[in-house]
């Protein structure tokens, strides 16, 4: 826990975290611009929940958003190795706890960044006259989105954040094989693009349907909402755990061969 708190502090309490979170919010604004302009021009009122749902459905800037949040921690192993931090910390802990702490800090930092960006965008959108209500863009969770839009916004942020953290975990895993900060950051966006493009929408593991808060289990709309949300969170978390295990095994190999 002490190591995790240290890694989390290094991830969150830095200007980079807040700058990237702000850039993430700006990317959301540009992604929703097609819906924002008509409302500002006096068109039909649009809720912030609908704006976020539109952003998650359209593919304009989501890859960029994944790259932005990946830049928070995906290159952390490269920094640890370049600054000789890894050798110092391994005198106090072992590779397994280091790996768990590094991936847990990445998961927490990415989730927090997504939550802050979603609510910061909602706050900015409310200022010029948008509402917090949900409309026709929300289907499966319509009742919850209409009655508790803030809670539903949190659920969307957690769902998208879990997928972003999963994609950035591939960057962390790759950095154990090829420590390159730019590659480690960019691989998160590439992973997300491939997952959205090549996993069929009818699959139980459809990333696009998961981040757009649609049911993916065989029962479809008859699936209990809590089960759909739990499944949508567990799939990326399970993949993140597999990446962590691969990262740990690769560090073991590097240690045995004198490459740490």
Protein backbone atom coordinates (compact mmCIF):
# COMPACT_ATOMS: atom_id res chain seq x y z
CA UNK A 1 0.00 0.00 0.00
CA UNK A 2 2.88 2.40 0.68
CA UNK A 3 4.28 1.70 -2.77
CA UNK A 4 0.83 2.16 -4.33
CA UNK A 5 0.33 5.49 -2.56
CA UNK A 6 3.75 6.62 -3.79
CA UNK A 7 3.00 5.57 -7.39
CA UNK A 8 -0.43 7.19 -7.23
CA UNK A 9 1.06 10.41 -5.91
CA UNK A 10 3.61 10.39 -8.74
CA UNK A 11 0.79 9.86 -11.26
CA UNK A 12 -1.82 12.33 -10.03
CA UNK A 13 -0.01 15.11 -8.17
CA UNK A 14 1.80 16.37 -11.25
CA UNK A 15 1.07 19.14 -13.77
CA UNK A 16 1.00 16.50 -16.53
CA UNK A 17 -2.08 14.80 -15.04
CA UNK A 18 -4.08 18.02 -14.86
CA UNK A 19 -2.97 19.28 -18.28
CA UNK A 20 -3.91 15.96 -19.90
CA UNK A 21 -7.26 15.92 -18.10
CA UNK A 22 -7.99 19.43 -19.37
CA UNK A 23 -6.97 18.38 -22.90
CA UNK A 24 -9.29 15.38 -22.54
CA UNK A 25 -12.14 17.76 -21.69
CA UNK A 26 -11.34 19.93 -24.71
CA UNK A 27 -11.39 16.83 -26.91
CA UNK A 28 -14.89 16.01 -25.58
CA UNK A 29 -16.02 19.54 -26.48
CA UNK A 30 -14.74 19.23 -30.06
CA UNK A 31 -16.26 15.75 -30.36
CA UNK A 32 -19.70 17.12 -29.43
CA UNK A 33 -19.45 20.29 -31.50
CA UNK A 34 -21.95 19.04 -34.10
CA UNK A 35 -24.60 18.91 -31.36
CA UNK A 36 -23.46 21.96 -29.41
CA UNK A 37 -23.73 24.45 -32.29
CA UNK A 38 -27.48 23.91 -33.03
CA UNK A 39 -28.39 24.22 -29.36
CA UNK A 40 -26.39 27.44 -28.94
CA UNK A 41 -28.10 28.79 -32.06
CA UNK A 42 -31.51 28.42 -30.44
CA UNK A 43 -32.36 24.89 -31.53
CA UNK A 44 -33.81 22.09 -29.43
CA UNK A 45 -32.45 21.79 -25.90
CA UNK A 46 -29.87 19.03 -25.47
CA UNK A 47 -28.84 17.42 -22.19
CA UNK A 48 -25.23 16.85 -21.21
CA UNK A 49 -25.95 13.13 -20.91
CA UNK A 50 -26.95 13.11 -24.57
CA UNK A 51 -23.80 15.02 -25.50
CA UNK A 52 -21.61 12.47 -23.70
CA UNK A 53 -23.52 9.58 -25.24
CA UNK A 54 -23.04 11.14 -28.67
CA UNK A 55 -19.32 11.52 -27.97
CA UNK A 56 -18.97 7.88 -26.95
CA UNK A 57 -20.90 6.71 -30.01
CA UNK A 58 -19.06 8.75 -32.63
CA UNK A 59 -15.41 7.93 -33.41
CA UNK A 60 -13.99 11.38 -34.07
CA UNK A 61 -11.73 11.93 -31.08
CA UNK A 62 -11.96 8.83 -28.89
CA UNK A 63 -8.60 7.44 -30.04
CA UNK A 64 -7.03 10.79 -29.16
CA UNK A 65 -8.69 10.68 -25.73
CA UNK A 66 -7.25 7.21 -25.08
CA UNK A 67 -3.79 8.44 -26.06
CA UNK A 68 -4.14 11.44 -23.74
CA UNK A 69 -5.01 9.36 -20.69
CA UNK A 70 -2.40 6.75 -21.65
CA UNK A 71 0.22 9.49 -21.45
CA UNK A 72 -0.43 9.75 -17.70
CA UNK A 73 1.21 6.44 -16.73
CA UNK A 74 1.85 4.21 -19.73
CA UNK A 75 5.46 5.41 -19.99
CA UNK A 76 6.11 5.22 -16.24
CA UNK A 77 8.25 2.08 -16.48
CA UNK A 78 10.44 3.82 -19.06
CA UNK A 79 10.88 6.74 -16.67
CA UNK A 80 11.64 4.41 -13.76
CA UNK A 81 14.34 2.69 -15.74
CA UNK A 82 15.85 5.84 -17.26
CA UNK A 83 16.09 7.58 -13.88
CA UNK A 84 17.42 4.49 -12.05
CA UNK A 85 14.33 4.53 -9.82
CA UNK A 86 13.66 0.86 -10.54
CA UNK A 87 16.91 -0.33 -9.00
CA UNK A 88 16.31 1.77 -5.91
CA UNK A 89 12.72 0.63 -5.35
CA UNK A 90 13.52 -3.05 -5.86
CA UNK A 91 15.76 -2.95 -2.80
CA UNK A 92 12.56 -2.36 -0.77
CA UNK A 93 10.02 -4.51 -2.58
CA UNK A 94 9.81 -7.30 -5.14
CA UNK A 95 8.83 -7.40 -8.80
CA UNK A 96 5.31 -8.71 -8.16
CA UNK A 97 4.35 -5.92 -5.79
CA UNK A 98 6.00 -3.36 -8.05
CA UNK A 99 3.96 -4.64 -11.02
CA UNK A 100 0.69 -4.65 -9.07
CA UNK A 101 1.33 -1.14 -7.76
CA UNK A 102 2.25 0.23 -11.20
CA UNK A 103 -0.89 -1.13 -12.87
CA UNK A 104 -3.16 -0.20 -9.94
CA UNK A 105 -1.84 3.37 -10.04
CA UNK A 106 -2.40 3.50 -13.79
CA UNK A 107 -5.96 2.20 -13.42
CA UNK A 108 -6.80 4.68 -10.66
CA UNK A 109 -5.23 7.67 -12.40
CA UNK A 110 -6.99 6.99 -15.71
CA UNK A 111 -10.37 6.45 -14.03
CA UNK A 112 -9.98 9.67 -12.03
CA UNK A 113 -8.97 11.61 -15.15
CA UNK A 114 -12.05 10.36 -17.03
CA UNK A 115 -14.37 11.18 -14.13
CA UNK A 116 -12.96 14.69 -13.80
CA UNK A 117 -13.13 15.30 -17.57
CA UNK A 118 -16.74 14.09 -17.84
CA UNK A 119 -17.96 16.25 -14.96
CA UNK A 120 -15.85 19.23 -16.00
CA UNK A 121 -17.42 19.03 -19.45
CA UNK A 122 -20.89 18.77 -17.88
CA UNK A 123 -20.18 21.86 -15.78
CA UNK A 124 -18.94 23.82 -18.79
CA UNK A 125 -21.96 22.75 -20.84
CA UNK A 126 -24.41 23.79 -18.14
CA UNK A 127 -23.06 27.35 -18.14
CA UNK A 128 -24.41 28.38 -21.60
CA UNK A 129 -27.82 26.84 -20.98
CA UNK A 130 -27.58 23.10 -21.50
CA UNK A 131 -29.48 20.83 -19.13
CA UNK A 132 -28.33 17.77 -17.22
CA UNK A 133 -31.28 15.71 -18.46
CA UNK A 134 -31.20 12.76 -20.85
CA UNK A 135 -33.14 12.45 -24.07
CA UNK A 136 -33.47 10.16 -27.04
CA UNK A 137 -29.79 9.21 -27.25
CA UNK A 138 -30.01 7.02 -24.15
CA UNK A 139 -31.94 3.78 -24.57
CA UNK A 140 -30.99 0.89 -22.30
CA UNK A 141 -30.36 3.04 -19.19
CA UNK A 142 -33.00 5.65 -20.08
CA UNK A 143 -34.85 5.61 -16.74
CA UNK A 144 -31.66 5.96 -14.72
CA UNK A 145 -30.27 8.62 -17.04
CA UNK A 146 -33.50 10.62 -16.79
CA UNK A 147 -33.92 10.37 -13.02
CA UNK A 148 -30.27 10.37 -11.90
CA UNK A 149 -28.22 11.98 -14.66
CA UNK A 150 -25.24 12.69 -12.39
CA UNK A 151 -25.02 9.03 -11.37
CA UNK A 152 -25.34 7.93 -14.99
CA UNK A 153 -22.58 10.38 -15.99
CA UNK A 154 -20.36 8.76 -13.33
CA UNK A 155 -21.18 5.31 -14.73
CA UNK A 156 -20.26 6.42 -18.26
CA UNK A 157 -16.99 7.87 -16.99
CA UNK A 158 -16.14 4.68 -15.10
CA UNK A 159 -17.00 2.50 -18.08
CA UNK A 160 -14.99 4.52 -20.57
CA UNK A 161 -12.18 4.97 -18.04
CA UNK A 162 -11.91 1.21 -17.47
CA UNK A 163 -11.55 0.64 -21.22
CA UNK A 164 -8.98 3.45 -21.51
CA UNK A 165 -6.99 2.01 -18.61
CA UNK A 166 -7.13 -1.42 -20.24
CA UNK A 167 -5.74 -0.02 -23.49
CA UNK A 168 -3.00 1.90 -21.69
CA UNK A 169 -2.09 -1.33 -19.87
CA UNK A 170 -0.94 -2.72 -23.22
CA UNK A 171 1.44 0.23 -23.40
CA UNK A 172 2.83 -0.63 -19.97
CA UNK A 173 3.18 -4.27 -21.00
CA UNK A 174 4.99 -3.33 -24.21
CA UNK A 175 7.35 -1.03 -22.31
CA UNK A 176 8.71 -4.07 -20.46
CA UNK A 177 9.74 -5.51 -23.84
CA UNK A 178 10.79 -2.28 -25.56
CA UNK A 179 11.19 0.69 -23.19
CA UNK A 180 10.16 3.56 -25.42
CA UNK A 181 8.00 6.32 -23.96
CA UNK A 182 6.38 7.38 -27.24
CA UNK A 183 5.56 3.83 -28.31
CA UNK A 184 4.20 2.96 -24.86
CA UNK A 185 1.85 5.95 -24.99
CA UNK A 186 0.72 5.49 -28.58
CA UNK A 187 0.03 1.76 -28.29
CA UNK A 188 -2.99 2.54 -26.10
CA UNK A 189 -4.67 4.42 -28.94
CA UNK A 190 -3.76 1.69 -31.43
CA UNK A 191 -5.18 -0.99 -29.13
CA UNK A 192 -8.43 0.93 -28.74
CA UNK A 193 -8.73 1.46 -32.50
CA UNK A 194 -8.18 -2.25 -33.22
CA UNK A 195 -10.61 -3.33 -30.50
CA UNK A 196 -13.39 -1.04 -31.77
CA UNK A 197 -12.72 -1.91 -35.41
CA UNK A 198 -12.28 -5.67 -35.30
CA UNK A 199 -14.31 -7.01 -32.36
CA UNK A 200 -17.81 -7.71 -33.79
CA UNK A 201 -20.66 -5.66 -32.36
CA UNK A 202 -22.63 -8.83 -31.65
CA UNK A 203 -19.82 -10.22 -29.50
CA UNK A 204 -20.03 -10.27 -25.70
CA UNK A 205 -16.72 -8.41 -25.74
CA UNK A 206 -17.73 -5.61 -28.12
CA UNK A 207 -15.84 -2.57 -26.87
CA UNK A 208 -18.00 -0.15 -28.84
CA UNK A 209 -21.21 -1.46 -27.28
CA UNK A 210 -19.62 -1.52 -23.83
CA UNK A 211 -18.48 2.12 -23.88
CA UNK A 212 -21.79 3.28 -25.37
CA UNK A 213 -23.58 1.63 -22.42
CA UNK A 214 -25.47 -0.91 -24.51
CA UNK A 215 -26.08 -4.52 -23.38
CA UNK A 216 -23.71 -7.13 -24.81
CA UNK A 217 -24.85 -10.24 -22.97
CA UNK A 218 -27.13 -12.75 -24.80
CA UNK A 219 -30.33 -11.53 -23.10
CA UNK A 220 -29.97 -8.12 -24.74
CA UNK A 221 -32.23 -5.44 -23.28
CA UNK A 222 -33.65 -8.04 -20.87
CA UNK A 223 -30.27 -8.21 -19.11
CA UNK A 224 -30.38 -6.59 -15.65
CA UNK A 225 -28.69 -3.22 -15.81
CA UNK A 226 -26.40 -3.92 -12.88
CA UNK A 227 -25.19 -7.11 -14.58
CA UNK A 228 -24.44 -5.29 -17.85
CA UNK A 229 -22.49 -2.60 -16.04
CA UNK A 230 -20.61 -5.17 -13.97
CA UNK A 231 -19.73 -7.14 -17.11
CA UNK A 232 -18.60 -3.96 -18.87
CA UNK A 233 -16.26 -3.21 -15.97
CA UNK A 234 -14.97 -6.75 -15.44
CA UNK A 235 -13.93 -7.38 -19.07
CA UNK A 236 -11.36 -4.55 -19.24
CA UNK A 237 -10.24 -5.20 -15.65
CA UNK A 238 -9.59 -8.87 -16.49
CA UNK A 239 -7.54 -7.90 -19.55
CA UNK A 240 -5.64 -5.38 -17.41
CA UNK A 241 -4.84 -8.13 -14.91
CA UNK A 242 -3.50 -10.33 -17.73
CA UNK A 243 -1.32 -7.45 -18.95
CA UNK A 244 -0.03 -7.00 -15.41
CA UNK A 245 0.90 -10.67 -15.20
CA UNK A 246 2.70 -10.51 -18.54
CA UNK A 247 4.50 -7.37 -17.38
CA UNK A 248 5.62 -9.12 -14.19
CA UNK A 249 6.87 -12.19 -16.05
CA UNK A 250 8.82 -10.03 -18.47
CA UNK A 251 10.44 -8.14 -15.57
CA UNK A 252 11.43 -11.49 -14.08
CA UNK A 253 13.11 -12.38 -17.36
CA UNK A 254 14.88 -9.04 -17.49
CA UNK A 255 16.09 -9.47 -13.92
CA UNK A 256 17.40 -12.96 -14.58
CA UNK A 257 19.27 -11.71 -17.65
CA UNK A 258 20.66 -8.58 -16.00
CA UNK A 259 18.57 -6.09 -18.00
CA UNK A 260 16.91 -4.17 -15.20
